[in-house]
N, C-alpha and C. Protein backbone atom coordinates (compact mmCIF):
# COMPACT_ATOMS: atom_id res chain seq x y z
N MET A 1 31.04 -23.02 11.38
CA MET A 1 31.40 -24.29 10.96
C MET A 1 31.68 -25.08 12.14
N GLU A 2 31.42 -26.17 12.26
CA GLU A 2 31.70 -27.24 13.53
C GLU A 2 33.21 -27.63 13.39
N ASP A 3 33.90 -27.64 14.27
CA ASP A 3 35.41 -28.31 14.27
C ASP A 3 35.08 -29.66 14.43
N LYS A 4 35.89 -30.57 13.55
CA LYS A 4 35.83 -31.82 13.54
C LYS A 4 36.88 -32.26 14.41
N ILE A 5 36.78 -32.13 15.74
CA ILE A 5 37.77 -32.48 16.75
C ILE A 5 37.11 -32.47 18.13
N SER A 6 37.50 -33.57 18.95
CA SER A 6 36.86 -33.73 20.32
C SER A 6 38.17 -34.02 21.19
N ILE A 7 38.29 -33.32 22.29
CA ILE A 7 39.38 -33.46 23.24
C ILE A 7 38.84 -34.14 24.41
N ILE A 8 39.21 -35.24 25.04
CA ILE A 8 38.62 -35.71 26.24
C ILE A 8 39.84 -36.08 27.20
N ASN A 9 39.55 -35.54 28.33
CA ASN A 9 40.51 -35.82 29.35
C ASN A 9 40.21 -36.76 30.33
N HIS A 10 40.68 -37.90 30.22
CA HIS A 10 40.44 -39.06 31.28
C HIS A 10 41.49 -39.28 32.26
N ALA A 11 42.60 -38.41 32.08
CA ALA A 11 43.64 -38.54 33.01
C ALA A 11 43.53 -37.52 34.18
N LYS A 12 44.15 -37.77 35.08
CA LYS A 12 44.34 -36.72 36.22
C LYS A 12 44.95 -35.24 35.80
N GLY A 13 44.58 -34.18 36.24
CA GLY A 13 45.22 -32.94 36.07
C GLY A 13 44.84 -32.26 34.81
N LYS A 14 45.19 -30.92 34.90
CA LYS A 14 44.62 -30.07 33.86
C LYS A 14 45.68 -30.00 32.72
N LEU A 15 45.10 -30.00 31.41
CA LEU A 15 46.04 -29.91 30.22
C LEU A 15 46.18 -28.47 29.88
N PRO A 16 47.45 -28.36 29.25
CA PRO A 16 47.92 -26.75 28.94
C PRO A 16 47.11 -26.44 27.71
N SER A 17 47.05 -25.25 27.31
CA SER A 17 46.35 -24.71 26.12
C SER A 17 47.17 -25.18 24.71
N LEU A 18 46.62 -25.79 23.92
CA LEU A 18 47.48 -26.01 22.76
C LEU A 18 46.54 -25.85 21.46
N PRO A 19 47.33 -25.45 20.32
CA PRO A 19 46.39 -25.22 19.16
C PRO A 19 45.96 -26.49 18.60
N PHE A 20 45.16 -27.43 19.07
CA PHE A 20 44.83 -28.69 18.59
C PHE A 20 44.13 -28.50 17.17
N VAL A 21 43.16 -27.59 17.10
CA VAL A 21 42.48 -27.49 15.66
C VAL A 21 43.41 -27.15 14.61
N LEU A 22 44.19 -26.19 14.88
CA LEU A 22 45.11 -25.77 13.99
C LEU A 22 46.10 -26.75 13.42
N ILE A 23 46.77 -27.60 14.21
CA ILE A 23 47.51 -28.66 13.87
C ILE A 23 46.72 -29.74 13.13
N LYS A 24 45.64 -30.02 13.79
CA LYS A 24 44.90 -31.03 12.84
C LYS A 24 44.55 -30.71 11.54
N GLU A 25 43.91 -29.57 11.53
CA GLU A 25 43.70 -28.97 10.07
C GLU A 25 44.83 -28.87 9.08
N ASP A 26 46.01 -28.43 9.60
CA ASP A 26 47.19 -28.24 8.93
C ASP A 26 47.61 -29.53 8.37
N ILE A 27 47.54 -30.64 9.27
CA ILE A 27 48.22 -31.86 8.69
C ILE A 27 47.03 -32.74 8.16
N LEU A 28 45.87 -32.81 8.65
CA LEU A 28 44.91 -33.94 8.20
C LEU A 28 43.83 -33.18 7.35
N GLY A 29 43.65 -31.90 7.45
CA GLY A 29 42.59 -31.20 6.65
C GLY A 29 41.55 -30.88 7.33
N GLU A 30 40.48 -29.98 6.88
CA GLU A 30 39.31 -29.48 7.66
C GLU A 30 38.24 -30.65 7.90
N ASN A 31 38.11 -31.56 6.83
CA ASN A 31 37.16 -32.45 7.00
C ASN A 31 37.46 -33.79 7.74
N TYR A 32 38.69 -33.71 8.39
CA TYR A 32 38.98 -34.89 9.03
C TYR A 32 38.39 -34.87 10.50
N SER A 33 37.93 -35.86 10.84
CA SER A 33 37.34 -35.96 12.15
C SER A 33 38.26 -36.57 13.18
N LEU A 34 38.88 -35.82 14.05
CA LEU A 34 39.73 -36.35 14.94
C LEU A 34 39.22 -36.09 16.48
N SER A 35 39.56 -37.33 17.25
CA SER A 35 39.28 -37.37 18.69
C SER A 35 40.70 -37.51 19.29
N ILE A 36 41.09 -36.60 20.34
CA ILE A 36 42.11 -36.89 21.04
C ILE A 36 41.81 -37.11 22.51
N ALA A 37 42.22 -38.40 23.08
CA ALA A 37 41.97 -38.56 24.48
C ALA A 37 43.25 -38.83 25.29
N PHE A 38 43.14 -37.99 26.49
CA PHE A 38 44.27 -38.22 27.42
C PHE A 38 43.74 -39.29 28.49
N ILE A 39 44.80 -40.53 28.64
CA ILE A 39 44.36 -41.70 29.28
C ILE A 39 45.43 -41.83 30.28
N SER A 40 45.08 -42.76 31.30
CA SER A 40 45.64 -43.21 32.40
C SER A 40 46.75 -44.20 31.97
N LYS A 41 47.82 -44.19 32.90
CA LYS A 41 49.00 -45.05 32.63
C LYS A 41 48.35 -46.50 32.38
N GLU A 42 47.49 -46.96 33.27
CA GLU A 42 46.96 -48.28 33.18
C GLU A 42 46.12 -48.59 31.83
N LYS A 43 45.43 -47.58 31.43
CA LYS A 43 44.65 -47.81 30.11
C LYS A 43 45.71 -47.81 28.89
N SER A 44 46.82 -46.92 28.98
CA SER A 44 47.83 -46.85 27.99
C SER A 44 48.56 -48.33 27.99
N LYS A 45 49.00 -48.79 29.19
CA LYS A 45 49.47 -50.11 29.14
C LYS A 45 48.85 -51.15 28.53
N LYS A 46 47.37 -51.23 29.13
CA LYS A 46 46.65 -52.21 28.41
C LYS A 46 46.38 -52.04 26.94
N LEU A 47 46.32 -50.93 26.51
CA LEU A 47 46.08 -50.86 24.87
C LEU A 47 47.30 -51.15 24.25
N ASN A 48 48.35 -50.63 24.73
CA ASN A 48 49.68 -50.91 24.05
C ASN A 48 49.98 -52.41 23.94
N ASN A 49 49.55 -53.11 25.13
CA ASN A 49 49.64 -54.61 25.12
C ASN A 49 48.86 -55.13 24.16
N THR A 50 47.64 -54.82 24.04
CA THR A 50 46.73 -55.35 23.16
C THR A 50 46.95 -55.10 21.76
N TYR A 51 47.32 -53.88 21.21
CA TYR A 51 47.68 -53.65 19.73
C TYR A 51 49.01 -53.73 19.51
N ARG A 52 50.00 -53.54 20.22
CA ARG A 52 51.51 -53.43 19.90
C ARG A 52 52.23 -54.66 20.57
N LYS A 53 51.64 -55.55 21.38
CA LYS A 53 52.20 -56.51 22.04
C LYS A 53 53.47 -56.11 22.86
N LYS A 54 53.34 -54.94 23.43
CA LYS A 54 54.25 -54.24 24.43
C LYS A 54 53.68 -53.95 25.84
N ASN A 55 54.03 -54.64 26.67
CA ASN A 55 53.38 -54.80 28.14
C ASN A 55 53.99 -53.56 28.96
N LYS A 56 53.87 -52.37 28.45
CA LYS A 56 54.04 -51.24 29.22
C LYS A 56 53.28 -50.01 28.64
N PRO A 57 53.18 -49.06 29.51
CA PRO A 57 52.52 -47.78 29.03
C PRO A 57 53.33 -47.07 27.97
N THR A 58 52.65 -46.32 27.07
CA THR A 58 53.35 -45.51 26.16
C THR A 58 52.94 -44.16 26.10
N ASN A 59 53.55 -43.22 25.42
CA ASN A 59 53.13 -41.84 25.51
C ASN A 59 52.10 -41.62 24.50
N ILE A 60 51.97 -42.12 23.41
CA ILE A 60 51.05 -42.01 22.28
C ILE A 60 50.57 -43.41 21.64
N LEU A 61 49.22 -43.43 21.07
CA LEU A 61 48.92 -44.40 20.36
C LEU A 61 47.85 -43.77 19.23
N SER A 62 47.92 -44.12 17.95
CA SER A 62 47.20 -43.47 16.94
C SER A 62 46.47 -44.50 16.26
N PHE A 63 45.19 -44.21 16.08
CA PHE A 63 44.37 -45.42 15.49
C PHE A 63 43.48 -44.72 14.13
N PRO A 64 43.97 -44.90 13.11
CA PRO A 64 42.90 -44.64 12.05
C PRO A 64 41.77 -45.41 11.85
N LEU A 65 40.48 -44.87 11.88
CA LEU A 65 39.36 -45.56 11.77
C LEU A 65 38.80 -45.50 10.45
N SER A 66 39.17 -44.56 9.61
CA SER A 66 38.92 -44.51 8.25
C SER A 66 39.45 -43.50 7.55
N LYS A 67 39.42 -43.27 6.37
CA LYS A 67 40.22 -42.27 5.57
C LYS A 67 40.00 -41.02 6.13
N LYS A 68 38.87 -40.60 6.71
CA LYS A 68 38.70 -39.31 7.24
C LYS A 68 38.36 -39.15 8.74
N GLU A 69 38.60 -40.14 9.51
CA GLU A 69 38.59 -40.20 10.88
C GLU A 69 39.58 -40.92 11.62
N GLY A 70 39.89 -40.45 12.75
CA GLY A 70 41.10 -41.12 13.58
C GLY A 70 41.04 -40.70 14.98
N GLU A 71 41.85 -41.42 15.94
CA GLU A 71 41.72 -41.08 17.38
C GLU A 71 43.43 -41.23 17.76
N ILE A 72 43.70 -40.43 18.50
CA ILE A 72 44.94 -40.40 19.12
C ILE A 72 44.75 -40.38 20.74
N LEU A 73 45.46 -41.28 21.36
CA LEU A 73 45.61 -41.44 22.80
C LEU A 73 46.76 -41.16 23.26
N ILE A 74 46.87 -40.25 24.31
CA ILE A 74 48.09 -39.68 24.80
C ILE A 74 47.87 -40.02 26.33
N CYS A 75 49.09 -40.51 27.08
CA CYS A 75 49.26 -40.70 28.31
C CYS A 75 50.12 -39.58 29.05
N PRO A 76 49.49 -38.64 29.65
CA PRO A 76 50.33 -37.52 30.23
C PRO A 76 51.36 -38.11 31.30
N GLU A 77 51.02 -38.95 32.07
CA GLU A 77 51.93 -39.49 33.10
C GLU A 77 53.42 -39.91 32.40
N VAL A 78 53.05 -40.63 31.32
CA VAL A 78 54.22 -41.06 30.47
C VAL A 78 55.12 -39.78 29.97
N VAL A 79 54.14 -39.01 29.52
CA VAL A 79 54.76 -37.78 28.79
C VAL A 79 55.60 -36.97 29.88
N LYS A 80 55.16 -36.94 30.98
CA LYS A 80 55.78 -36.19 32.09
C LYS A 80 57.26 -36.67 32.39
N LYS A 81 57.30 -37.94 32.20
CA LYS A 81 58.42 -38.81 32.57
C LYS A 81 59.52 -38.56 31.37
N GLU A 82 59.11 -38.13 30.40
CA GLU A 82 59.84 -38.20 29.10
C GLU A 82 60.37 -36.72 28.86
N LEU A 83 60.02 -35.89 29.57
CA LEU A 83 60.34 -34.41 29.34
C LEU A 83 61.95 -34.18 29.06
N LYS A 84 62.78 -34.60 29.94
CA LYS A 84 64.23 -34.61 29.96
C LYS A 84 64.74 -35.14 28.76
N LYS A 85 64.20 -36.32 28.43
CA LYS A 85 64.68 -37.22 27.27
C LYS A 85 64.47 -36.40 26.05
N PHE A 86 63.41 -35.73 25.91
CA PHE A 86 63.06 -34.95 24.51
C PHE A 86 63.49 -33.50 24.57
N ARG A 87 63.82 -32.95 25.85
CA ARG A 87 64.29 -31.39 25.89
C ARG A 87 63.30 -30.55 25.77
N LYS A 88 62.09 -30.88 26.10
CA LYS A 88 61.01 -29.94 25.93
C LYS A 88 60.16 -29.81 27.15
N THR A 89 59.34 -28.78 27.15
CA THR A 89 58.33 -28.44 28.23
C THR A 89 57.23 -29.28 28.04
N TYR A 90 56.54 -29.68 29.00
CA TYR A 90 55.13 -30.49 29.08
C TYR A 90 54.33 -30.14 27.92
N ARG A 91 53.87 -28.75 27.83
CA ARG A 91 53.18 -28.38 26.59
C ARG A 91 53.68 -28.56 25.30
N GLU A 92 55.03 -28.15 25.12
CA GLU A 92 55.80 -28.57 23.94
C GLU A 92 55.68 -30.19 23.55
N LEU A 93 55.95 -30.84 24.53
CA LEU A 93 56.08 -32.44 24.10
C LEU A 93 54.42 -32.97 23.71
N LEU A 94 53.58 -32.45 24.58
CA LEU A 94 52.11 -32.76 24.24
C LEU A 94 51.92 -32.19 22.71
N GLY A 95 52.21 -31.25 22.46
CA GLY A 95 51.98 -30.54 21.18
C GLY A 95 52.78 -31.51 20.16
N PHE A 96 54.00 -31.77 20.49
CA PHE A 96 54.76 -32.48 19.28
C PHE A 96 54.15 -33.96 19.33
N LEU A 97 53.61 -34.53 20.30
CA LEU A 97 53.10 -35.72 20.10
C LEU A 97 51.70 -35.74 19.42
N VAL A 98 50.96 -34.57 19.36
CA VAL A 98 49.78 -34.51 18.67
C VAL A 98 50.18 -34.44 17.07
N ILE A 99 51.18 -33.72 16.80
CA ILE A 99 51.75 -33.66 15.47
C ILE A 99 52.25 -35.12 14.93
N HIS A 100 52.99 -35.75 15.90
CA HIS A 100 53.41 -37.14 15.62
C HIS A 100 52.28 -38.02 15.35
N GLY A 101 51.26 -37.99 15.85
CA GLY A 101 49.95 -38.80 16.07
C GLY A 101 49.31 -38.45 14.62
N CYS A 102 49.10 -37.23 14.30
CA CYS A 102 48.52 -36.64 13.19
C CYS A 102 49.38 -37.12 11.88
N LEU A 103 50.51 -37.22 11.92
CA LEU A 103 51.23 -37.77 10.70
C LEU A 103 51.10 -39.26 10.71
N HIS A 104 50.98 -39.97 11.66
CA HIS A 104 50.64 -41.42 11.37
C HIS A 104 49.45 -41.44 10.89
N LEU A 105 48.55 -40.73 11.31
CA LEU A 105 46.90 -40.94 10.95
C LEU A 105 46.86 -40.51 9.50
N LYS A 106 47.93 -39.84 8.93
CA LYS A 106 48.02 -39.31 7.63
C LYS A 106 48.58 -40.53 6.85
N GLY A 107 49.31 -41.41 7.46
CA GLY A 107 49.77 -42.68 6.75
C GLY A 107 51.41 -42.71 6.86
N MET A 108 52.01 -41.77 7.51
CA MET A 108 53.46 -41.77 7.50
C MET A 108 53.89 -42.89 8.57
N GLU A 109 54.97 -43.39 8.27
CA GLU A 109 55.69 -44.20 9.30
C GLU A 109 56.92 -43.65 9.68
N HIS A 110 57.48 -44.08 10.89
CA HIS A 110 58.82 -43.52 11.48
C HIS A 110 59.91 -43.63 10.20
N SER A 111 60.53 -42.44 9.96
CA SER A 111 61.35 -42.22 8.99
C SER A 111 62.08 -40.76 9.18
N SER A 112 63.19 -40.68 8.19
CA SER A 112 63.72 -39.34 8.46
C SER A 112 62.74 -38.22 7.49
N THR A 113 61.96 -38.70 6.72
CA THR A 113 60.87 -37.89 6.12
C THR A 113 59.88 -37.41 7.17
N MET A 114 59.45 -38.36 8.00
CA MET A 114 58.47 -38.01 9.07
C MET A 114 59.11 -37.09 10.12
N GLU A 115 60.39 -37.25 10.39
CA GLU A 115 61.17 -36.52 11.38
C GLU A 115 61.31 -35.03 10.86
N ARG A 116 61.44 -34.96 9.45
CA ARG A 116 61.46 -33.61 8.93
C ARG A 116 60.29 -32.80 9.10
N ARG A 117 59.10 -33.68 8.75
CA ARG A 117 57.71 -33.16 8.83
C ARG A 117 57.37 -32.72 10.16
N GLU A 118 57.76 -33.53 11.15
CA GLU A 118 57.57 -33.12 12.68
C GLU A 118 58.16 -31.90 12.90
N GLU A 119 59.45 -31.70 12.52
CA GLU A 119 60.30 -30.67 12.98
C GLU A 119 59.69 -29.23 12.34
N LYS A 120 59.18 -29.40 11.09
CA LYS A 120 58.62 -28.37 10.30
C LYS A 120 57.34 -27.73 11.22
N TYR A 121 56.35 -28.64 11.61
CA TYR A 121 55.21 -28.36 12.17
C TYR A 121 55.74 -27.95 13.80
N ASP A 122 56.61 -28.66 14.32
CA ASP A 122 57.06 -28.21 15.76
C ASP A 122 57.53 -26.81 15.56
N GLN A 123 58.31 -26.55 14.70
CA GLN A 123 58.87 -25.18 14.63
C GLN A 123 57.68 -24.04 14.47
N LYS A 124 56.77 -24.44 13.57
CA LYS A 124 55.75 -23.58 13.37
C LYS A 124 54.79 -23.29 14.49
N TYR A 125 54.53 -24.32 15.25
CA TYR A 125 53.48 -24.19 16.37
C TYR A 125 54.39 -23.80 17.80
N PHE A 126 55.46 -24.49 17.96
CA PHE A 126 56.09 -24.34 19.26
C PHE A 126 57.51 -23.96 19.32
N SER A 127 58.08 -23.32 18.32
CA SER A 127 59.47 -22.58 18.39
C SER A 127 59.45 -21.56 19.59
N ARG A 128 60.59 -21.42 20.20
CA ARG A 128 60.58 -20.37 21.16
C ARG A 128 61.47 -19.45 20.38
N HIS A 129 60.84 -18.28 20.21
CA HIS A 129 61.66 -17.19 19.46
C HIS A 129 62.44 -16.26 20.62
């Protein structure tokens, strides 16, 4: 079976190994087609300004393209600057943001319900035992 996920790295640097497919299938289902792109700070700022009217780079942007298809854009440069704020390693924060983006693509908005769901998946995939 073909995984309905593509990972594209347009940013500088190597990405840590993450359970992208498991997270995507767990939250969005097997038949959901997801693209995850890692982008530069400049591209993040441009897109954030275009779609959210915020003239600064952001860590993540999620774009639902249809009921069964979406795209997540992550800016590793911004993520690295936020590690202390979130008290996570680079790998953990990238994973958390993929979870966050998938929940948005599923239709969730920022709320305590979304935070509980994020915590559940974060524990499942990234808890340090």
